[in-house]
Amino acid sequence: MQTLTLEGYLAADPSILSAQGSGKKRASFRVLETTRFRRADGTPGERTTGFNCICFNEATAEKYIEPFARKGSRVVIQGHVENDTWTGKDGVEHYDLRLIVGDIRLKNRRDRPAADDGGSGHQMQEPAGGYDLNDDIPF
């Protein structure tokens, strides 16, 4: 299996969905990654690529992604790529790649603003356990 590490920004707030049969929750979101480069004539250019991501780990979706991840959050994701195919209502077959999340780190984690605090986020205290989720990944 191939592993992909991706660093980028959430394009929108993640969707937390429940499976129809089991009721297990999963998170679905899109990450945008921008690559900057120089063209042959020396002018700068950039290309933004969007990646559809899905996290099947229920605990991660409920206790980490749902309360802390939101549009614009910087994330580092490690996972593997899967092909997704489906037939649309018009009978046309569609193809898509998606990243199945194995590990996710939020680089600028903050509480989701509560309705009564005027929308100002404040820094969250780190959980006990000897590790800091805000640490930079050494690569």
C-alpha atoms as a PDB file:
ATOM      1  CA  MET A   1       0.000   0.000   0.000  1.00  0.00           C
ATOM      2  CA  GLN A   2       1.224   3.488  -0.821  1.00  0.00           C
ATOM      3  CA  THR A   3       1.318   6.120   1.908  1.00  0.00           C
ATOM      4  CA  LEU A   4       0.816   9.790   1.204  1.00  0.00           C
ATOM      5  CA  THR A   5       1.686  12.691   3.502  1.00  0.00           C
ATOM      6  CA  LEU A   6      -0.139  15.908   2.730  1.00  0.00           C
ATOM      7  CA  GLU A   7       0.086  19.360   4.300  1.00  0.00           C
ATOM      8  CA  GLY A   8      -2.491  21.976   3.435  1.00  0.00           C
ATOM      9  CA  TYR A   9      -5.554  23.896   4.574  1.00  0.00           C
ATOM     10  CA  LEU A  10      -9.168  22.802   5.040  1.00  0.00           C
ATOM     11  CA  ALA A  11     -11.349  24.196   2.245  1.00  0.00           C
ATOM     12  CA  ALA A  12     -14.490  24.122   4.459  1.00  0.00           C
ATOM     13  CA  ASP A  13     -15.641  22.889   7.849  1.00  0.00           C
ATOM     14  CA  PRO A  14     -15.479  19.073   7.970  1.00  0.00           C
ATOM     15  CA  SER A  15     -18.733  17.115   7.632  1.00  0.00           C
ATOM     16  CA  ILE A  16     -19.349  14.557  10.368  1.00  0.00           C
ATOM     17  CA  LEU A  17     -21.560  11.816   8.936  1.00  0.00           C
ATOM     18  CA  SER A  18     -23.125   8.682  10.446  1.00  0.00           C
ATOM     19  CA  ALA A  19     -23.140   5.363   8.575  1.00  0.00           C
ATOM     20  CA  GLN A  20     -26.680   4.164   7.817  1.00  0.00           C
ATOM     21  CA  GLY A  21     -26.378   0.633   9.180  1.00  0.00           C
ATOM     22  CA  SER A  22     -24.013   0.907  12.125  1.00  0.00           C
ATOM     23  CA  GLY A  23     -24.386   4.579  13.054  1.00  0.00           C
ATOM     24  CA  LYS A  24     -20.588   4.919  13.260  1.00  0.00           C
ATOM     25  CA  LYS A  25     -19.381   8.437  12.601  1.00  0.00           C
ATOM     26  CA  ARG A  26     -16.808   9.484  10.031  1.00  0.00           C
ATOM     27  CA  ALA A  27     -15.379  12.823   8.960  1.00  0.00           C
ATOM     28  CA  SER A  28     -15.279  14.021   5.384  1.00  0.00           C
ATOM     29  CA  PHE A  29     -13.370  17.121   4.273  1.00  0.00           C
ATOM     30  CA  ARG A  30     -11.316  18.672   1.470  1.00  0.00           C
ATOM     31  CA  VAL A  31      -7.694  19.807   1.847  1.00  0.00           C
ATOM     32  CA  LEU A  32      -6.122  22.370  -0.481  1.00  0.00           C
ATOM     33  CA  GLU A  33      -2.381  22.300  -1.140  1.00  0.00           C
ATOM     34  CA  THR A  34      -0.611  25.013  -3.135  1.00  0.00           C
ATOM     35  CA  THR A  35       2.664  24.502  -4.969  1.00  0.00           C
ATOM     36  CA  ARG A  36       4.681  27.540  -5.997  1.00  0.00           C
ATOM     37  CA  PHE A  37       7.113  27.389  -8.911  1.00  0.00           C
ATOM     38  CA  ARG A  38       8.972  29.470 -11.501  1.00  0.00           C
ATOM     39  CA  ARG A  39       8.137  29.216 -15.163  1.00  0.00           C
ATOM     40  CA  ALA A  40      10.846  28.901 -17.830  1.00  0.00           C
ATOM     41  CA  ASP A  41      10.712  32.673 -18.424  1.00  0.00           C
ATOM     42  CA  GLY A  42      11.313  33.329 -14.703  1.00  0.00           C
ATOM     43  CA  THR A  43       7.817  34.472 -13.780  1.00  0.00           C
ATOM     44  CA  PRO A  44       6.354  32.976 -10.619  1.00  0.00           C
ATOM     45  CA  GLY A  45       3.378  30.663 -10.768  1.00  0.00           C
ATOM     46  CA  GLU A  46       1.311  28.562  -8.428  1.00  0.00           C
ATOM     47  CA  ARG A  47      -0.985  25.574  -8.676  1.00  0.00           C
ATOM     48  CA  THR A  48      -3.586  24.621  -6.061  1.00  0.00           C
ATOM     49  CA  THR A  49      -4.751  21.016  -5.805  1.00  0.00           C
ATOM     50  CA  GLY A  50      -7.729  19.808  -3.786  1.00  0.00           C
ATOM     51  CA  PHE A  51      -7.794  16.421  -2.070  1.00  0.00           C
ATOM     52  CA  ASN A  52     -11.000  14.760  -0.853  1.00  0.00           C
ATOM     53  CA  CYS A  53     -10.276  13.137   2.510  1.00  0.00           C
ATOM     54  CA  ILE A  54     -12.273  10.774   4.697  1.00  0.00           C
ATOM     55  CA  CYS A  55     -11.516   9.633   8.242  1.00  0.00           C
ATOM     56  CA  PHE A  56     -13.219   6.399   9.328  1.00  0.00           C
ATOM     57  CA  ASN A  57     -11.785   6.479  12.861  1.00  0.00           C
ATOM     58  CA  GLU A  58     -14.867   7.347  14.927  1.00  0.00           C
ATOM     59  CA  ALA A  59     -12.945   8.600  17.977  1.00  0.00           C
ATOM     60  CA  THR A  60     -10.767  10.890  15.853  1.00  0.00           C
ATOM     61  CA  ALA A  61     -13.792  12.232  13.971  1.00  0.00           C
ATOM     62  CA  GLU A  62     -15.827  12.967  17.117  1.00  0.00           C
ATOM     63  CA  LYS A  63     -13.188  14.039  19.630  1.00  0.00           C
ATOM     64  CA  TYR A  64     -10.553  15.724  17.469  1.00  0.00           C
ATOM     65  CA  ILE A  65     -11.822  16.753  14.030  1.00  0.00           C
ATOM     66  CA  GLU A  66     -15.369  17.858  14.955  1.00  0.00           C
ATOM     67  CA  PRO A  67     -14.467  20.165  17.871  1.00  0.00           C
ATOM     68  CA  PHE A  68     -11.200  21.636  16.554  1.00  0.00           C
ATOM     69  CA  ALA A  69     -10.995  21.495  12.725  1.00  0.00           C
ATOM     70  CA  ARG A  70     -12.656  24.216  10.686  1.00  0.00           C
ATOM     71  CA  LYS A  71     -12.279  26.059   7.404  1.00  0.00           C
ATOM     72  CA  GLY A  72      -8.750  27.414   7.024  1.00  0.00           C
ATOM     73  CA  SER A  73      -7.171  25.091   9.613  1.00  0.00           C
ATOM     74  CA  ARG A  74      -3.680  23.978   8.640  1.00  0.00           C
ATOM     75  CA  VAL A  75      -3.423  20.175   8.703  1.00  0.00           C
ATOM     76  CA  VAL A  76      -0.858  17.455   8.106  1.00  0.00           C
ATOM     77  CA  ILE A  77      -2.441  14.186   7.021  1.00  0.00           C
ATOM     78  CA  GLN A  78      -0.963  10.767   6.463  1.00  0.00           C
ATOM     79  CA  GLY A  79      -2.986   8.073   4.745  1.00  0.00           C
ATOM     80  CA  HIS A  80      -3.459   6.035   1.605  1.00  0.00           C
ATOM     81  CA  VAL A  81      -5.174   6.786  -1.695  1.00  0.00           C
ATOM     82  CA  GLU A  82      -8.234   4.894  -2.960  1.00  0.00           C
ATOM     83  CA  ASN A  83     -10.143   5.042  -6.226  1.00  0.00           C
ATOM     84  CA  ASP A  84     -13.798   5.975  -5.913  1.00  0.00           C
ATOM     85  CA  THR A  85     -16.179   5.283  -8.813  1.00  0.00           C
ATOM     86  CA  TRP A  86     -19.897   5.876  -9.060  1.00  0.00           C
ATOM     87  CA  THR A  87     -22.587   6.237 -11.690  1.00  0.00           C
ATOM     88  CA  GLY A  88     -24.455   9.513 -11.710  1.00  0.00           C
ATOM     89  CA  LYS A  89     -28.188   9.992 -12.233  1.00  0.00           C
ATOM     90  CA  ASP A  90     -27.470  10.698 -15.885  1.00  0.00           C
ATOM     91  CA  GLY A  91     -25.844   7.251 -16.287  1.00  0.00           C
ATOM     92  CA  VAL A  92     -22.312   8.644 -16.641  1.00  0.00           C
ATOM     93  CA  GLU A  93     -19.591   6.847 -14.686  1.00  0.00           C
ATOM     94  CA  HIS A  94     -17.464   9.160 -12.523  1.00  0.00           C
ATOM     95  CA  TYR A  95     -13.976   8.572 -11.113  1.00  0.00           C
ATOM     96  CA  ASP A  96     -12.320  10.240  -8.148  1.00  0.00           C
ATOM     97  CA  LEU A  97      -9.340   9.724  -5.879  1.00  0.00           C
ATOM     98  CA  ARG A  98      -9.722  10.141  -2.131  1.00  0.00           C
ATOM     99  CA  LEU A  99      -7.293  10.074   0.740  1.00  0.00           C
ATOM    100  CA  ILE A 100      -8.204   7.656   3.541  1.00  0.00           C
ATOM    101  CA  VAL A 101      -6.874   9.330   6.689  1.00  0.00           C
ATOM    102  CA  GLY A 102      -4.641   7.228   8.927  1.00  0.00           C
ATOM    103  CA  ASP A 103      -3.246  10.100  11.000  1.00  0.00           C
ATOM    104  CA  ILE A 104      -4.113  13.787  11.181  1.00  0.00           C
ATOM    105  CA  ARG A 105      -2.438  16.695  12.981  1.00  0.00           C
ATOM    106  CA  LEU A 106      -3.932  20.152  13.282  1.00  0.00           C
ATOM    107  CA  LYS A 107      -1.159  22.744  13.171  1.00  0.00           C
ATOM    108  CA  ASN A 108      -3.169  25.682  14.576  1.00  0.00           C
ATOM    109  CA  ARG A 109      -5.681  23.999  16.853  1.00  0.00           C
ATOM    110  CA  ARG A 110      -8.223  26.202  18.614  1.00  0.00           C
ATOM    111  CA  ASP A 111     -11.608  25.646  20.254  1.00  0.00           C
ATOM    112  CA  ARG A 112     -14.598  25.975  17.973  1.00  0.00           C
ATOM    113  CA  PRO A 113     -16.177  29.314  18.978  1.00  0.00           C
ATOM    114  CA  ALA A 114     -19.264  28.961  21.185  1.00  0.00           C
ATOM    115  CA  ALA A 115     -22.437  30.837  20.254  1.00  0.00           C
ATOM    116  CA  ASP A 116     -22.268  33.049  23.362  1.00  0.00           C
ATOM    117  CA  ASP A 117     -18.630  34.198  23.262  1.00  0.00           C
ATOM    118  CA  GLY A 118     -18.908  36.462  20.224  1.00  0.00           C
ATOM    119  CA  GLY A 119     -16.927  34.174  17.922  1.00  0.00           C
ATOM    120  CA  SER A 120     -13.506  34.757  19.459  1.00  0.00           C
ATOM    121  CA  GLY A 121     -11.500  31.518  19.634  1.00  0.00           C
ATOM    122  CA  HIS A 122      -9.062  30.985  22.484  1.00  0.00           C
ATOM    123  CA  GLN A 123      -6.128  28.650  22.806  1.00  0.00           C
ATOM    124  CA  MET A 124      -7.047  25.163  24.003  1.00  0.00           C
ATOM    125  CA  GLN A 125      -5.089  23.571  26.834  1.00  0.00           C
ATOM    126  CA  GLU A 126      -3.200  20.501  25.740  1.00  0.00           C
ATOM    127  CA  PRO A 127      -4.395  17.076  26.855  1.00  0.00           C
ATOM    128  CA  ALA A 128      -2.431  15.118  29.430  1.00  0.00           C
ATOM    129  CA  GLY A 129      -0.443  12.196  28.130  1.00  0.00           C
ATOM    130  CA  GLY A 130       3.063  13.483  27.487  1.00  0.00           C
ATOM    131  CA  TYR A 131       2.598  14.621  23.908  1.00  0.00           C
ATOM    132  CA  ASP A 132       1.808  17.943  22.293  1.00  0.00           C
ATOM    133  CA  LEU A 133      -0.493  17.812  19.254  1.00  0.00           C
ATOM    134  CA  ASN A 134       0.817  21.216  18.136  1.00  0.00           C
ATOM    135  CA  ASP A 135       4.423  20.010  17.803  1.00  0.00           C
ATOM    136  CA  ASP A 136       5.864  20.392  14.333  1.00  0.00           C
ATOM    137  CA  ILE A 137       6.379  17.168  12.457  1.00  0.00           C
ATOM    138  CA  PRO A 138      10.111  16.739  11.723  1.00  0.00           C
ATOM    139  CA  PHE A 139      10.031  16.571   7.912  1.00  0.00           C
END
